[in-house]
Amino acid sequence: MERMRVKSGNLRAIGYDESAQILEIVFHRGGIYRYFGVPKKIYDGLMKSQSSYERYHDRYIKNRYRHEKI
C-alpha cells in the first residue's frame, strides 16, 4: 500500500486501500496501525483535515474500527 507523508505532530504517513477498505497510519512515536472496514468517506475526511489529523483520527477512527499494530 502506498502511503502519503503528512505534516503532523503525531502522524507521519497515511495509506488507504479502497477495494479492501484498509487504512494504515504511521505514527511518529513508532508503530503502524492498520484499520479495517474504513469507508472511503472517512479516509477522505482524514486527508482533508490537514489542520488537525490527530483530532480527526481521535474523533472518527480511533476505537471505532477493528485494528492491528503491524
PDB file of N, CA and C in Angstrom:
ATOM      1  N   MET A   1       0.849  -1.177   0.000  1.00  0.00           N
ATOM      2  CA  MET A   1       0.000   0.000   0.000  1.00  0.00           C
ATOM      3  C   MET A   1       0.893   1.238   0.000  1.00  0.00           C
ATOM      4  N   GLU A   2       0.591   2.158  -0.861  1.00  0.00           N
ATOM      5  CA  GLU A   2       1.341   3.410  -0.926  1.00  0.00           C
ATOM      6  C   GLU A   2       0.850   4.348   0.166  1.00  0.00           C
ATOM      7  N   ARG A   3       1.798   4.952   0.855  1.00  0.00           N
ATOM      8  CA  ARG A   3       1.440   5.899   1.922  1.00  0.00           C
ATOM      9  C   ARG A   3       1.913   7.293   1.546  1.00  0.00           C
ATOM     10  N   MET A   4       1.133   8.270   1.957  1.00  0.00           N
ATOM     11  CA  MET A   4       1.492   9.672   1.728  1.00  0.00           C
ATOM     12  C   MET A   4       1.991  10.265   3.040  1.00  0.00           C
ATOM     13  N   ARG A   5       3.139  10.928   2.982  1.00  0.00           N
ATOM     14  CA  ARG A   5       3.644  11.615   4.175  1.00  0.00           C
ATOM     15  C   ARG A   5       2.755  12.820   4.469  1.00  0.00           C
ATOM     16  N   VAL A   6       2.547  13.044   5.762  1.00  0.00           N
ATOM     17  CA  VAL A   6       1.742  14.189   6.176  1.00  0.00           C
ATOM     18  C   VAL A   6       2.528  14.992   7.203  1.00  0.00           C
ATOM     19  N   LYS A   7       2.232  16.275   7.267  1.00  0.00           N
ATOM     20  CA  LYS A   7       2.859  17.143   8.256  1.00  0.00           C
ATOM     21  C   LYS A   7       1.935  17.189   9.466  1.00  0.00           C
ATOM     22  N   SER A   8       2.371  16.526  10.516  1.00  0.00           N
ATOM     23  CA  SER A   8       1.539  16.405  11.691  1.00  0.00           C
ATOM     24  C   SER A   8       2.440  16.160  12.898  1.00  0.00           C
ATOM     25  N   GLY A   9       1.986  16.559  14.056  1.00  0.00           N
ATOM     26  CA  GLY A   9       2.760  16.336  15.267  1.00  0.00           C
ATOM     27  C   GLY A   9       2.841  14.877  15.657  1.00  0.00           C
ATOM     28  N   ASN A  10       1.840  14.090  15.324  1.00  0.00           N
ATOM     29  CA  ASN A  10       1.781  12.706  15.767  1.00  0.00           C
ATOM     30  C   ASN A  10       1.767  11.696  14.621  1.00  0.00           C
ATOM     31  N   LEU A  11       1.186  12.049  13.498  1.00  0.00           N
ATOM     32  CA  LEU A  11       1.083  11.135  12.360  1.00  0.00           C
ATOM     33  C   LEU A  11       2.183  11.434  11.353  1.00  0.00           C
ATOM     34  N   ARG A  12       2.791  10.379  10.821  1.00  0.00           N
ATOM     35  CA  ARG A  12       3.874  10.552   9.848  1.00  0.00           C
ATOM     36  C   ARG A  12       3.387  10.316   8.426  1.00  0.00           C
ATOM     37  N   ALA A  13       2.556   9.267   8.228  1.00  0.00           N
ATOM     38  CA  ALA A  13       2.103   8.920   6.882  1.00  0.00           C
ATOM     39  C   ALA A  13       0.757   8.205   6.969  1.00  0.00           C
ATOM     40  N   ILE A  14       0.008   8.284   5.861  1.00  0.00           N
ATOM     41  CA  ILE A  14      -1.326   7.684   5.777  1.00  0.00           C
ATOM     42  C   ILE A  14      -1.447   6.967   4.446  1.00  0.00           C
ATOM     43  N   GLY A  15      -1.991   5.756   4.496  1.00  0.00           N
ATOM     44  CA  GLY A  15      -2.247   4.991   3.282  1.00  0.00           C
ATOM     45  C   GLY A  15      -3.651   4.428   3.313  1.00  0.00           C
ATOM     46  N   TYR A  16      -4.194   4.146   2.133  1.00  0.00           N
ATOM     47  CA  TYR A  16      -5.558   3.617   2.077  1.00  0.00           C
ATOM     48  C   TYR A  16      -5.706   2.704   0.875  1.00  0.00           C
ATOM     49  N   ASP A  17      -6.320   1.556   1.100  1.00  0.00           N
ATOM     50  CA  ASP A  17      -6.656   0.615   0.034  1.00  0.00           C
ATOM     51  C   ASP A  17      -8.176   0.616  -0.074  1.00  0.00           C
ATOM     52  N   GLU A  18      -8.684   1.293  -1.100  1.00  0.00           N
ATOM     53  CA  GLU A  18     -10.130   1.471  -1.234  1.00  0.00           C
ATOM     54  C   GLU A  18     -10.857   0.148  -1.446  1.00  0.00           C
ATOM     55  N   SER A  19     -10.311  -0.748  -2.259  1.00  0.00           N
ATOM     56  CA  SER A  19     -11.006  -2.001  -2.547  1.00  0.00           C
ATOM     57  C   SER A  19     -11.125  -2.886  -1.306  1.00  0.00           C
ATOM     58  N   ALA A  20     -10.134  -2.837  -0.415  1.00  0.00           N
ATOM     59  CA  ALA A  20     -10.169  -3.642   0.805  1.00  0.00           C
ATOM     60  C   ALA A  20     -10.674  -2.846   2.012  1.00  0.00           C
ATOM     61  N   GLN A  21     -10.854  -1.546   1.853  1.00  0.00           N
ATOM     62  CA  GLN A  21     -11.258  -0.637   2.926  1.00  0.00           C
ATOM     63  C   GLN A  21     -10.317  -0.731   4.125  1.00  0.00           C
ATOM     64  N   ILE A  22      -9.014  -0.684   3.835  1.00  0.00           N
ATOM     65  CA  ILE A  22      -7.997  -0.728   4.884  1.00  0.00           C
ATOM     66  C   ILE A  22      -7.258   0.606   4.919  1.00  0.00           C
ATOM     67  N   LEU A  23      -7.203   1.174   6.105  1.00  0.00           N
ATOM     68  CA  LEU A  23      -6.497   2.427   6.342  1.00  0.00           C
ATOM     69  C   LEU A  23      -5.257   2.113   7.165  1.00  0.00           C
ATOM     70  N   GLU A  24      -4.107   2.638   6.765  1.00  0.00           N
ATOM     71  CA  GLU A  24      -2.883   2.484   7.534  1.00  0.00           C
ATOM     72  C   GLU A  24      -2.391   3.857   7.956  1.00  0.00           C
ATOM     73  N   ILE A  25      -2.005   3.949   9.214  1.00  0.00           N
ATOM     74  CA  ILE A  25      -1.460   5.193   9.747  1.00  0.00           C
ATOM     75  C   ILE A  25      -0.126   4.885  10.409  1.00  0.00           C
ATOM     76  N   VAL A  26       0.892   5.643  10.006  1.00  0.00           N
ATOM     77  CA  VAL A  26       2.222   5.532  10.601  1.00  0.00           C
ATOM     78  C   VAL A  26       2.370   6.685  11.585  1.00  0.00           C
ATOM     79  N   PHE A  27       2.698   6.359  12.819  1.00  0.00           N
ATOM     80  CA  PHE A  27       2.849   7.364  13.863  1.00  0.00           C
ATOM     81  C   PHE A  27       4.329   7.687  14.081  1.00  0.00           C
ATOM     82  N   HIS A  28       4.615   8.933  14.435  1.00  0.00           N
ATOM     83  CA  HIS A  28       5.997   9.360  14.685  1.00  0.00           C
ATOM     84  C   HIS A  28       6.621   8.584  15.835  1.00  0.00           C
ATOM     85  N   ARG A  29       5.873   8.289  16.834  1.00  0.00           N
ATOM     86  CA  ARG A  29       6.416   7.648  18.037  1.00  0.00           C
ATOM     87  C   ARG A  29       6.488   6.134  17.897  1.00  0.00           C
ATOM     88  N   GLY A  30       6.459   5.676  16.682  1.00  0.00           N
ATOM     89  CA  GLY A  30       6.573   4.237  16.454  1.00  0.00           C
ATOM     90  C   GLY A  30       5.227   3.604  16.244  1.00  0.00           C
ATOM     91  N   GLY A  31       5.232   2.641  15.423  1.00  0.00           N
ATOM     92  CA  GLY A  31       4.018   1.885  15.213  1.00  0.00           C
ATOM     93  C   GLY A  31       3.284   2.260  13.946  1.00  0.00           C
ATOM     94  N   ILE A  32       2.845   1.229  13.296  1.00  0.00           N
ATOM     95  CA  ILE A  32       1.975   1.361  12.137  1.00  0.00           C
ATOM     96  C   ILE A  32       0.688   0.641  12.505  1.00  0.00           C
ATOM     97  N   TYR A  33      -0.408   1.330  12.362  1.00  0.00           N
ATOM     98  CA  TYR A  33      -1.705   0.741  12.681  1.00  0.00           C
ATOM     99  C   TYR A  33      -2.510   0.566  11.407  1.00  0.00           C
ATOM    100  N   ARG A  34      -3.129  -0.585  11.307  1.00  0.00           N
ATOM    101  CA  ARG A  34      -3.979  -0.914  10.162  1.00  0.00           C
ATOM    102  C   ARG A  34      -5.415  -1.018  10.680  1.00  0.00           C
ATOM    103  N   TYR A  35      -6.309  -0.245  10.066  1.00  0.00           N
ATOM    104  CA  TYR A  35      -7.727  -0.218  10.450  1.00  0.00           C
ATOM    105  C   TYR A  35      -8.550  -0.859   9.342  1.00  0.00           C
ATOM    106  N   PHE A  36      -9.487  -1.715   9.730  1.00  0.00           N
ATOM    107  CA  PHE A  36     -10.261  -2.495   8.770  1.00  0.00           C
ATOM    108  C   PHE A  36     -11.698  -1.988   8.653  1.00  0.00           C
ATOM    109  N   GLY A  37     -12.243  -2.087   7.438  1.00  0.00           N
ATOM    110  CA  GLY A  37     -13.633  -1.701   7.199  1.00  0.00           C
ATOM    111  C   GLY A  37     -13.866  -0.206   7.222  1.00  0.00           C
ATOM    112  N   VAL A  38     -12.841   0.559   6.865  1.00  0.00           N
ATOM    113  CA  VAL A  38     -12.935   2.023   6.898  1.00  0.00           C
ATOM    114  C   VAL A  38     -13.471   2.516   5.550  1.00  0.00           C
ATOM    115  N   PRO A  39     -14.640   3.158   5.554  1.00  0.00           N
ATOM    116  CA  PRO A  39     -15.198   3.677   4.297  1.00  0.00           C
ATOM    117  C   PRO A  39     -14.330   4.791   3.711  1.00  0.00           C
ATOM    118  N   LYS A  40     -14.399   4.947   2.403  1.00  0.00           N
ATOM    119  CA  LYS A  40     -13.605   5.969   1.715  1.00  0.00           C
ATOM    120  C   LYS A  40     -13.914   7.365   2.238  1.00  0.00           C
ATOM    121  N   LYS A  41     -15.154   7.621   2.628  1.00  0.00           N
ATOM    122  CA  LYS A  41     -15.502   8.959   3.109  1.00  0.00           C
ATOM    123  C   LYS A  41     -14.746   9.303   4.405  1.00  0.00           C
ATOM    124  N   ILE A  42     -14.436   8.309   5.207  1.00  0.00           N
ATOM    125  CA  ILE A  42     -13.654   8.553   6.424  1.00  0.00           C
ATOM    126  C   ILE A  42     -12.205   8.868   6.048  1.00  0.00           C
ATOM    127  N   TYR A  43     -11.655   8.108   5.118  1.00  0.00           N
ATOM    128  CA  TYR A  43     -10.297   8.395   4.629  1.00  0.00           C
ATOM    129  C   TYR A  43     -10.243   9.796   4.014  1.00  0.00           C
ATOM    130  N   ASP A  44     -11.213  10.114   3.175  1.00  0.00           N
ATOM    131  CA  ASP A  44     -11.247  11.439   2.543  1.00  0.00           C
ATOM    132  C   ASP A  44     -11.317  12.539   3.596  1.00  0.00           C
ATOM    133  N   GLY A  45     -12.130  12.338   4.609  1.00  0.00           N
ATOM    134  CA  GLY A  45     -12.238  13.318   5.691  1.00  0.00           C
ATOM    135  C   GLY A  45     -10.919  13.498   6.421  1.00  0.00           C
ATOM    136  N   LEU A  46     -10.225  12.394   6.653  1.00  0.00           N
ATOM    137  CA  LEU A  46      -8.923  12.471   7.311  1.00  0.00           C
ATOM    138  C   LEU A  46      -7.939  13.268   6.470  1.00  0.00           C
ATOM    139  N   MET A  47      -7.905  13.003   5.185  1.00  0.00           N
ATOM    140  CA  MET A  47      -6.956  13.690   4.317  1.00  0.00           C
ATOM    141  C   MET A  47      -7.291  15.180   4.164  1.00  0.00           C
ATOM    142  N   LYS A  48      -8.545  15.541   4.323  1.00  0.00           N
ATOM    143  CA  LYS A  48      -8.955  16.946   4.227  1.00  0.00           C
ATOM    144  C   LYS A  48      -8.757  17.704   5.537  1.00  0.00           C
ATOM    145  N   SER A  49      -8.498  16.983   6.614  1.00  0.00           N
ATOM    146  CA  SER A  49      -8.383  17.615   7.935  1.00  0.00           C
ATOM    147  C   SER A  49      -6.946  18.012   8.237  1.00  0.00           C
ATOM    148  N   GLN A  50      -6.282  18.589   7.273  1.00  0.00           N
ATOM    149  CA  GLN A  50      -4.855  18.882   7.374  1.00  0.00           C
ATOM    150  C   GLN A  50      -4.477  19.702   8.598  1.00  0.00           C
ATOM    151  N   SER A  51      -5.375  20.512   9.091  1.00  0.00           N
ATOM    152  CA  SER A  51      -5.031  21.333  10.250  1.00  0.00           C
ATOM    153  C   SER A  51      -4.969  20.499  11.527  1.00  0.00           C
ATOM    154  N   SER A  52      -5.625  19.346  11.546  1.00  0.00           N
ATOM    155  CA  SER A  52      -5.579  18.507  12.732  1.00  0.00           C
ATOM    156  C   SER A  52      -5.904  17.050  12.402  1.00  0.00           C
ATOM    157  N   TYR A  53      -4.913  16.363  11.842  1.00  0.00           N
ATOM    158  CA  TYR A  53      -5.082  14.940  11.558  1.00  0.00           C
ATOM    159  C   TYR A  53      -5.365  14.165  12.855  1.00  0.00           C
ATOM    160  N   GLU A  54      -4.674  14.543  13.931  1.00  0.00           N
ATOM    161  CA  GLU A  54      -4.839  13.832  15.198  1.00  0.00           C
ATOM    162  C   GLU A  54      -6.264  13.934  15.722  1.00  0.00           C
ATOM    163  N   ARG A  55      -6.833  15.116  15.650  1.00  0.00           N
ATOM    164  CA  ARG A  55      -8.191  15.309  16.148  1.00  0.00           C
ATOM    165  C   ARG A  55      -9.178  14.476  15.343  1.00  0.00           C
ATOM    166  N   TYR A  56      -9.027  14.453  14.022  1.00  0.00           N
ATOM    167  CA  TYR A  56      -9.911  13.649  13.174  1.00  0.00           C
ATOM    168  C   TYR A  56      -9.738  12.167  13.501  1.00  0.00           C
ATOM    169  N   HIS A  57      -8.500  11.735  13.640  1.00  0.00           N
ATOM    170  CA  HIS A  57      -8.226  10.336  13.988  1.00  0.00           C
ATOM    171  C   HIS A  57      -8.903   9.977  15.311  1.00  0.00           C
ATOM    172  N   ASP A  58      -8.718  10.818  16.319  1.00  0.00           N
ATOM    173  CA  ASP A  58      -9.304  10.536  17.630  1.00  0.00           C
ATOM    174  C   ASP A  58     -10.832  10.524  17.587  1.00  0.00           C
ATOM    175  N   ARG A  59     -11.423  11.394  16.810  1.00  0.00           N
ATOM    176  CA  ARG A  59     -12.881  11.531  16.787  1.00  0.00           C
ATOM    177  C   ARG A  59     -13.571  10.481  15.909  1.00  0.00           C
ATOM    178  N   TYR A  60     -12.993  10.146  14.757  1.00  0.00           N
ATOM    179  CA  TYR A  60     -13.711   9.322  13.785  1.00  0.00           C
ATOM    180  C   TYR A  60     -13.106   7.945  13.498  1.00  0.00           C
ATOM    181  N   ILE A  61     -11.887   7.695  13.976  1.00  0.00           N
ATOM    182  CA  ILE A  61     -11.231   6.421  13.622  1.00  0.00           C
ATOM    183  C   ILE A  61     -10.861   5.609  14.863  1.00  0.00           C
ATOM    184  N   LYS A  62     -10.142   6.207  15.767  1.00  0.00           N
ATOM    185  CA  LYS A  62      -9.658   5.508  16.960  1.00  0.00           C
ATOM    186  C   LYS A  62     -10.824   4.886  17.731  1.00  0.00           C
ATOM    187  N   ASN A  63     -10.673   3.619  18.081  1.00  0.00           N
ATOM    188  CA  ASN A  63     -11.666   2.849  18.840  1.00  0.00           C
ATOM    189  C   ASN A  63     -13.004   2.674  18.121  1.00  0.00           C
ATOM    190  N   ARG A  64     -13.063   2.951  16.818  1.00  0.00           N
ATOM    191  CA  ARG A  64     -14.300   2.764  16.050  1.00  0.00           C
ATOM    192  C   ARG A  64     -14.186   1.641  15.025  1.00  0.00           C
ATOM    193  N   TYR A  65     -12.957   1.277  14.688  1.00  0.00           N
ATOM    194  CA  TYR A  65     -12.730   0.238  13.678  1.00  0.00           C
ATOM    195  C   TYR A  65     -11.783  -0.812  14.246  1.00  0.00           C
ATOM    196  N   ARG A  66     -11.998  -2.043  13.842  1.00  0.00           N
ATOM    197  CA  ARG A  66     -11.086  -3.109  14.220  1.00  0.00           C
ATOM    198  C   ARG A  66      -9.710  -2.737  13.680  1.00  0.00           C
ATOM    199  N   HIS A  67      -8.688  -2.969  14.488  1.00  0.00           N
ATOM    200  CA  HIS A  67      -7.345  -2.562  14.049  1.00  0.00           C
ATOM    201  C   HIS A  67      -6.295  -3.529  14.587  1.00  0.00           C
ATOM    202  N   GLU A  68      -5.109  -3.409  14.007  1.00  0.00           N
ATOM    203  CA  GLU A  68      -3.969  -4.177  14.492  1.00  0.00           C
ATOM    204  C   GLU A  68      -2.729  -3.318  14.328  1.00  0.00           C
ATOM    205  N   LYS A  69      -1.765  -3.552  15.203  1.00  0.00           N
ATOM    206  CA  LYS A  69      -0.476  -2.891  15.080  1.00  0.00           C
ATOM    207  C   LYS A  69       0.414  -3.807  14.258  1.00  0.00           C
ATOM    208  N   ILE A  70       1.032  -3.260  13.208  1.00  0.00           N
ATOM    209  CA  ILE A  70       1.881  -4.101  12.356  1.00  0.00           C
ATOM    210  C   ILE A  70       3.330  -3.641  12.431  1.00  0.00           C
TER     211      ILE A  70
END
